[in-house]
Amino acid sequence: MAGASATAGNLVVVWTDGNDSYVSLVAVHATAGTNALVSGVAGIQTLAQLSGVTPAALVAANFDIV
C-alpha cells in the first residue's frame, strides 16, 4: 500500500550471552501493511539479568507467578 504510515510497538525479548540470560524491552518501528515488518529499532532497555541462568533452566517450574 503506497503511502502507508509507519507504526511502532514493543517486543519483549529473552536472550543469552552464553553465561547469563536477559529480559529486554525493544521499541521498534514497523511499516504498516498486510506484511508489517520491523523496519528499525528505536531503543533497547534491559529489564532483568538472570545471572548464571542458562536457556535450559528457563522452564515454568523455576518461576513463581505473582
PDB file of N, CA and C in Angstrom:
ATOM      1  N   MET A   1       0.838  -1.170   0.000  1.00  0.00           N
ATOM      2  CA  MET A   1       0.000   0.000   0.000  1.00  0.00           C
ATOM      3  C   MET A   1       0.882   1.231   0.000  1.00  0.00           C
ATOM      4  N   ALA A   2       0.844   1.999  -1.039  1.00  0.00           N
ATOM      5  CA  ALA A   2       1.691   3.190  -1.158  1.00  0.00           C
ATOM      6  C   ALA A   2       1.269   4.240  -0.144  1.00  0.00           C
ATOM      7  N   GLY A   3       2.253   4.893   0.449  1.00  0.00           N
ATOM      8  CA  GLY A   3       1.983   5.965   1.388  1.00  0.00           C
ATOM      9  C   GLY A   3       1.492   5.499   2.745  1.00  0.00           C
ATOM     10  N   ALA A   4       1.685   4.241   3.070  1.00  0.00           N
ATOM     11  CA  ALA A   4       1.236   3.735   4.369  1.00  0.00           C
ATOM     12  C   ALA A   4       2.052   4.373   5.483  1.00  0.00           C
ATOM     13  N   SER A   5       1.388   4.683   6.573  1.00  0.00           N
ATOM     14  CA  SER A   5       2.103   5.297   7.689  1.00  0.00           C
ATOM     15  C   SER A   5       2.847   4.240   8.478  1.00  0.00           C
ATOM     16  N   ALA A   6       3.907   4.665   9.137  1.00  0.00           N
ATOM     17  CA  ALA A   6       4.689   3.755   9.966  1.00  0.00           C
ATOM     18  C   ALA A   6       4.022   3.622  11.322  1.00  0.00           C
ATOM     19  N   THR A   7       4.131   2.463  11.923  1.00  0.00           N
ATOM     20  CA  THR A   7       3.612   2.226  13.255  1.00  0.00           C
ATOM     21  C   THR A   7       4.761   1.804  14.154  1.00  0.00           C
ATOM     22  N   ALA A   8       4.531   1.844  15.462  1.00  0.00           N
ATOM     23  CA  ALA A   8       5.576   1.469  16.409  1.00  0.00           C
ATOM     24  C   ALA A   8       4.998   0.517  17.434  1.00  0.00           C
ATOM     25  N   GLY A   9       5.870  -0.193  18.107  1.00  0.00           N
ATOM     26  CA  GLY A   9       5.434  -1.113  19.146  1.00  0.00           C
ATOM     27  C   GLY A   9       6.615  -1.559  19.978  1.00  0.00           C
ATOM     28  N   ASN A  10       6.360  -2.484  20.870  1.00  0.00           N
ATOM     29  CA  ASN A  10       7.394  -3.018  21.739  1.00  0.00           C
ATOM     30  C   ASN A  10       7.408  -4.533  21.663  1.00  0.00           C
ATOM     31  N   LEU A  11       8.591  -5.096  21.749  1.00  0.00           N
ATOM     32  CA  LEU A  11       8.768  -6.545  21.812  1.00  0.00           C
ATOM     33  C   LEU A  11       9.513  -6.870  23.101  1.00  0.00           C
ATOM     34  N   VAL A  12       9.112  -7.935  23.779  1.00  0.00           N
ATOM     35  CA  VAL A  12       9.868  -8.432  24.920  1.00  0.00           C
ATOM     36  C   VAL A  12      10.734  -9.567  24.403  1.00  0.00           C
ATOM     37  N   VAL A  13      12.032  -9.460  24.642  1.00  0.00           N
ATOM     38  CA  VAL A  13      12.993 -10.428  24.112  1.00  0.00           C
ATOM     39  C   VAL A  13      13.766 -11.045  25.275  1.00  0.00           C
ATOM     40  N   VAL A  14      13.856 -12.375  25.288  1.00  0.00           N
ATOM     41  CA  VAL A  14      14.699 -13.089  26.244  1.00  0.00           C
ATOM     42  C   VAL A  14      15.889 -13.622  25.466  1.00  0.00           C
ATOM     43  N   TRP A  15      17.098 -13.289  25.923  1.00  0.00           N
ATOM     44  CA  TRP A  15      18.287 -13.683  25.191  1.00  0.00           C
ATOM     45  C   TRP A  15      19.400 -14.043  26.172  1.00  0.00           C
ATOM     46  N   THR A  16      20.438 -14.673  25.652  1.00  0.00           N
ATOM     47  CA  THR A  16      21.549 -15.093  26.494  1.00  0.00           C
ATOM     48  C   THR A  16      22.876 -14.727  25.836  1.00  0.00           C
ATOM     49  N   ASP A  17      23.867 -14.502  26.664  1.00  0.00           N
ATOM     50  CA  ASP A  17      25.219 -14.278  26.164  1.00  0.00           C
ATOM     51  C   ASP A  17      26.079 -15.523  26.369  1.00  0.00           C
ATOM     52  N   GLY A  18      25.452 -16.633  26.749  1.00  0.00           N
ATOM     53  CA  GLY A  18      26.163 -17.884  26.991  1.00  0.00           C
ATOM     54  C   GLY A  18      26.388 -18.154  28.471  1.00  0.00           C
ATOM     55  N   ASN A  19      26.394 -17.095  29.296  1.00  0.00           N
ATOM     56  CA  ASN A  19      26.570 -17.252  30.738  1.00  0.00           C
ATOM     57  C   ASN A  19      25.326 -16.828  31.516  1.00  0.00           C
ATOM     58  N   ASP A  20      24.760 -15.715  31.141  1.00  0.00           N
ATOM     59  CA  ASP A  20      23.583 -15.167  31.807  1.00  0.00           C
ATOM     60  C   ASP A  20      22.463 -15.008  30.789  1.00  0.00           C
ATOM     61  N   SER A  21      21.237 -14.891  31.295  1.00  0.00           N
ATOM     62  CA  SER A  21      20.088 -14.623  30.429  1.00  0.00           C
ATOM     63  C   SER A  21      19.551 -13.239  30.768  1.00  0.00           C
ATOM     64  N   TYR A  22      18.909 -12.605  29.806  1.00  0.00           N
ATOM     65  CA  TYR A  22      18.417 -11.246  29.963  1.00  0.00           C
ATOM     66  C   TYR A  22      16.994 -11.147  29.426  1.00  0.00           C
ATOM     67  N   VAL A  23      16.209 -10.258  30.026  1.00  0.00           N
ATOM     68  CA  VAL A  23      14.881  -9.919  29.530  1.00  0.00           C
ATOM     69  C   VAL A  23      14.951  -8.456  29.149  1.00  0.00           C
ATOM     70  N   SER A  24      14.714  -8.161  27.866  1.00  0.00           N
ATOM     71  CA  SER A  24      14.832  -6.790  27.369  1.00  0.00           C
ATOM     72  C   SER A  24      13.554  -6.354  26.675  1.00  0.00           C
ATOM     73  N   LEU A  25      13.281  -5.052  26.735  1.00  0.00           N
ATOM     74  CA  LEU A  25      12.169  -4.442  26.028  1.00  0.00           C
ATOM     75  C   LEU A  25      12.761  -3.700  24.834  1.00  0.00           C
ATOM     76  N   VAL A  26      12.309  -4.057  23.631  1.00  0.00           N
ATOM     77  CA  VAL A  26      12.833  -3.466  22.404  1.00  0.00           C
ATOM     78  C   VAL A  26      11.725  -2.645  21.756  1.00  0.00           C
ATOM     79  N   ALA A  27      11.932  -1.338  21.659  1.00  0.00           N
ATOM     80  CA  ALA A  27      10.981  -0.458  20.978  1.00  0.00           C
ATOM     81  C   ALA A  27      11.322  -0.480  19.495  1.00  0.00           C
ATOM     82  N   VAL A  28      10.324  -0.797  18.657  1.00  0.00           N
ATOM     83  CA  VAL A  28      10.586  -0.952  17.226  1.00  0.00           C
ATOM     84  C   VAL A  28       9.672  -0.072  16.392  1.00  0.00           C
ATOM     85  N   HIS A  29      10.125   0.221  15.192  1.00  0.00           N
ATOM     86  CA  HIS A  29       9.317   0.879  14.171  1.00  0.00           C
ATOM     87  C   HIS A  29       8.899  -0.215  13.197  1.00  0.00           C
ATOM     88  N   ALA A  30       7.689  -0.120  12.685  1.00  0.00           N
ATOM     89  CA  ALA A  30       7.223  -1.094  11.704  1.00  0.00           C
ATOM     90  C   ALA A  30       6.531  -0.355  10.571  1.00  0.00           C
ATOM     91  N   THR A  31       6.576  -0.930   9.401  1.00  0.00           N
ATOM     92  CA  THR A  31       5.889  -0.369   8.244  1.00  0.00           C
ATOM     93  C   THR A  31       4.497  -0.982   8.188  1.00  0.00           C
ATOM     94  N   ALA A  32       3.479  -0.128   8.130  1.00  0.00           N
ATOM     95  CA  ALA A  32       2.100  -0.617   8.098  1.00  0.00           C
ATOM     96  C   ALA A  32       1.834  -1.346   6.788  1.00  0.00           C
ATOM     97  N   GLY A  33       0.948  -2.304   6.829  1.00  0.00           N
ATOM     98  CA  GLY A  33       0.585  -3.061   5.634  1.00  0.00           C
ATOM     99  C   GLY A  33       0.225  -4.478   5.997  1.00  0.00           C
ATOM    100  N   THR A  34      -0.091  -5.243   5.004  1.00  0.00           N
ATOM    101  CA  THR A  34      -0.518  -6.619   5.268  1.00  0.00           C
ATOM    102  C   THR A  34       0.622  -7.482   5.785  1.00  0.00           C
ATOM    103  N   ASN A  35       1.840  -7.166   5.416  1.00  0.00           N
ATOM    104  CA  ASN A  35       3.016  -7.917   5.877  1.00  0.00           C
ATOM    105  C   ASN A  35       3.936  -6.984   6.644  1.00  0.00           C
ATOM    106  N   ALA A  36       3.431  -6.394   7.742  1.00  0.00           N
ATOM    107  CA  ALA A  36       4.218  -5.435   8.512  1.00  0.00           C
ATOM    108  C   ALA A  36       5.503  -6.085   9.024  1.00  0.00           C
ATOM    109  N   LEU A  37       6.613  -5.438   8.793  1.00  0.00           N
ATOM    110  CA  LEU A  37       7.915  -5.919   9.217  1.00  0.00           C
ATOM    111  C   LEU A  37       8.578  -4.863  10.082  1.00  0.00           C
ATOM    112  N   VAL A  38       9.448  -5.300  10.982  1.00  0.00           N
ATOM    113  CA  VAL A  38      10.222  -4.353  11.775  1.00  0.00           C
ATOM    114  C   VAL A  38      11.173  -3.631  10.832  1.00  0.00           C
ATOM    115  N   SER A  39      11.114  -2.294  10.862  1.00  0.00           N
ATOM    116  CA  SER A  39      11.962  -1.517   9.968  1.00  0.00           C
ATOM    117  C   SER A  39      13.044  -0.754  10.711  1.00  0.00           C
ATOM    118  N   GLY A  40      13.068  -0.846  12.019  1.00  0.00           N
ATOM    119  CA  GLY A  40      14.110  -0.171  12.774  1.00  0.00           C
ATOM    120  C   GLY A  40      13.896  -0.344  14.265  1.00  0.00           C
ATOM    121  N   VAL A  41      14.961  -0.158  15.032  1.00  0.00           N
ATOM    122  CA  VAL A  41      14.898  -0.261  16.486  1.00  0.00           C
ATOM    123  C   VAL A  41      15.068   1.134  17.059  1.00  0.00           C
ATOM    124  N   ALA A  42      14.107   1.558  17.891  1.00  0.00           N
ATOM    125  CA  ALA A  42      14.158   2.882  18.499  1.00  0.00           C
ATOM    126  C   ALA A  42      14.948   2.864  19.801  1.00  0.00           C
ATOM    127  N   GLY A  43      14.964   1.728  20.473  1.00  0.00           N
ATOM    128  CA  GLY A  43      15.703   1.638  21.729  1.00  0.00           C
ATOM    129  C   GLY A  43      15.561   0.267  22.351  1.00  0.00           C
ATOM    130  N   ILE A  44      16.521  -0.058  23.216  1.00  0.00           N
ATOM    131  CA  ILE A  44      16.508  -1.334  23.930  1.00  0.00           C
ATOM    132  C   ILE A  44      16.759  -1.034  25.402  1.00  0.00           C
ATOM    133  N   GLN A  45      15.917  -1.607  26.271  1.00  0.00           N
ATOM    134  CA  GLN A  45      16.086  -1.448  27.709  1.00  0.00           C
ATOM    135  C   GLN A  45      16.072  -2.827  28.341  1.00  0.00           C
ATOM    136  N   THR A  46      17.141  -3.187  29.035  1.00  0.00           N
ATOM    137  CA  THR A  46      17.193  -4.480  29.710  1.00  0.00           C
ATOM    138  C   THR A  46      16.459  -4.357  31.032  1.00  0.00           C
ATOM    139  N   LEU A  47      15.441  -5.199  31.204  1.00  0.00           N
ATOM    140  CA  LEU A  47      14.606  -5.171  32.395  1.00  0.00           C
ATOM    141  C   LEU A  47      15.144  -6.063  33.503  1.00  0.00           C
ATOM    142  N   ALA A  48      15.785  -7.172  33.136  1.00  0.00           N
ATOM    143  CA  ALA A  48      16.291  -8.108  34.139  1.00  0.00           C
ATOM    144  C   ALA A  48      17.482  -8.875  33.602  1.00  0.00           C
ATOM    145  N   GLN A  49      18.435  -9.138  34.489  1.00  0.00           N
ATOM    146  CA  GLN A  49      19.552 -10.023  34.180  1.00  0.00           C
ATOM    147  C   GLN A  49      19.442 -11.213  35.108  1.00  0.00           C
ATOM    148  N   LEU A  50      19.414 -12.400  34.545  1.00  0.00           N
ATOM    149  CA  LEU A  50      19.320 -13.633  35.312  1.00  0.00           C
ATOM    150  C   LEU A  50      20.709 -14.256  35.344  1.00  0.00           C
ATOM    151  N   SER A  51      21.468 -13.979  36.387  1.00  0.00           N
ATOM    152  CA  SER A  51      22.860 -14.420  36.476  1.00  0.00           C
ATOM    153  C   SER A  51      22.967 -15.918  36.651  1.00  0.00           C
ATOM    154  N   GLY A  52      23.796 -16.530  35.818  1.00  0.00           N
ATOM    155  CA  GLY A  52      24.049 -17.956  35.906  1.00  0.00           C
ATOM    156  C   GLY A  52      22.903 -18.826  35.423  1.00  0.00           C
ATOM    157  N   VAL A  53      21.913 -18.231  34.760  1.00  0.00           N
ATOM    158  CA  VAL A  53      20.757 -18.985  34.273  1.00  0.00           C
ATOM    159  C   VAL A  53      20.960 -19.289  32.800  1.00  0.00           C
ATOM    160  N   THR A  54      20.931 -20.555  32.457  1.00  0.00           N
ATOM    161  CA  THR A  54      21.083 -20.964  31.066  1.00  0.00           C
ATOM    162  C   THR A  54      19.702 -21.114  30.430  1.00  0.00           C
ATOM    163  N   PRO A  55      19.611 -21.101  29.106  1.00  0.00           N
ATOM    164  CA  PRO A  55      18.311 -21.275  28.453  1.00  0.00           C
ATOM    165  C   PRO A  55      17.592 -22.557  28.883  1.00  0.00           C
ATOM    166  N   ALA A  56      18.317 -23.616  29.161  1.00  0.00           N
ATOM    167  CA  ALA A  56      17.696 -24.873  29.583  1.00  0.00           C
ATOM    168  C   ALA A  56      17.009 -24.745  30.941  1.00  0.00           C
ATOM    169  N   ALA A  57      17.438 -23.773  31.772  1.00  0.00           N
ATOM    170  CA  ALA A  57      16.849 -23.582  33.097  1.00  0.00           C
ATOM    171  C   ALA A  57      15.623 -22.678  33.065  1.00  0.00           C
ATOM    172  N   LEU A  58      15.312 -22.089  31.891  1.00  0.00           N
ATOM    173  CA  LEU A  58      14.152 -21.210  31.779  1.00  0.00           C
ATOM    174  C   LEU A  58      12.886 -22.032  31.541  1.00  0.00           C
ATOM    175  N   VAL A  59      12.449 -22.728  32.569  1.00  0.00           N
ATOM    176  CA  VAL A  59      11.232 -23.545  32.494  1.00  0.00           C
ATOM    177  C   VAL A  59      10.255 -23.070  33.556  1.00  0.00           C
ATOM    178  N   ALA A  60       8.969 -23.308  33.350  1.00  0.00           N
ATOM    179  CA  ALA A  60       7.919 -22.829  34.240  1.00  0.00           C
ATOM    180  C   ALA A  60       8.120 -23.272  35.692  1.00  0.00           C
ATOM    181  N   ALA A  61       8.676 -24.444  35.909  1.00  0.00           N
ATOM    182  CA  ALA A  61       8.875 -24.957  37.261  1.00  0.00           C
ATOM    183  C   ALA A  61       9.845 -24.096  38.083  1.00  0.00           C
ATOM    184  N   ASN A  62      10.662 -23.263  37.409  1.00  0.00           N
ATOM    185  CA  ASN A  62      11.643 -22.426  38.099  1.00  0.00           C
ATOM    186  C   ASN A  62      11.133 -21.022  38.411  1.00  0.00           C
ATOM    187  N   PHE A  63       9.837 -20.759  38.175  1.00  0.00           N
ATOM    188  CA  PHE A  63       9.289 -19.416  38.364  1.00  0.00           C
ATOM    189  C   PHE A  63       8.056 -19.459  39.250  1.00  0.00           C
ATOM    190  N   ASP A  64       7.874 -18.408  40.035  1.00  0.00           N
ATOM    191  CA  ASP A  64       6.626 -18.191  40.766  1.00  0.00           C
ATOM    192  C   ASP A  64       5.943 -17.011  40.120  1.00  0.00           C
ATOM    193  N   ILE A  65       4.723 -17.203  39.644  1.00  0.00           N
ATOM    194  CA  ILE A  65       3.937 -16.123  39.050  1.00  0.00           C
ATOM    195  C   ILE A  65       3.249 -15.392  40.191  1.00  0.00           C
ATOM    196  N   VAL A  66       3.462 -14.093  40.281  1.00  0.00           N
ATOM    197  CA  VAL A  66       2.879 -13.302  41.369  1.00  0.00           C
ATOM    198  C   VAL A  66       1.719 -12.489  40.861  1.00  0.00           C
TER     199      VAL A  66
END
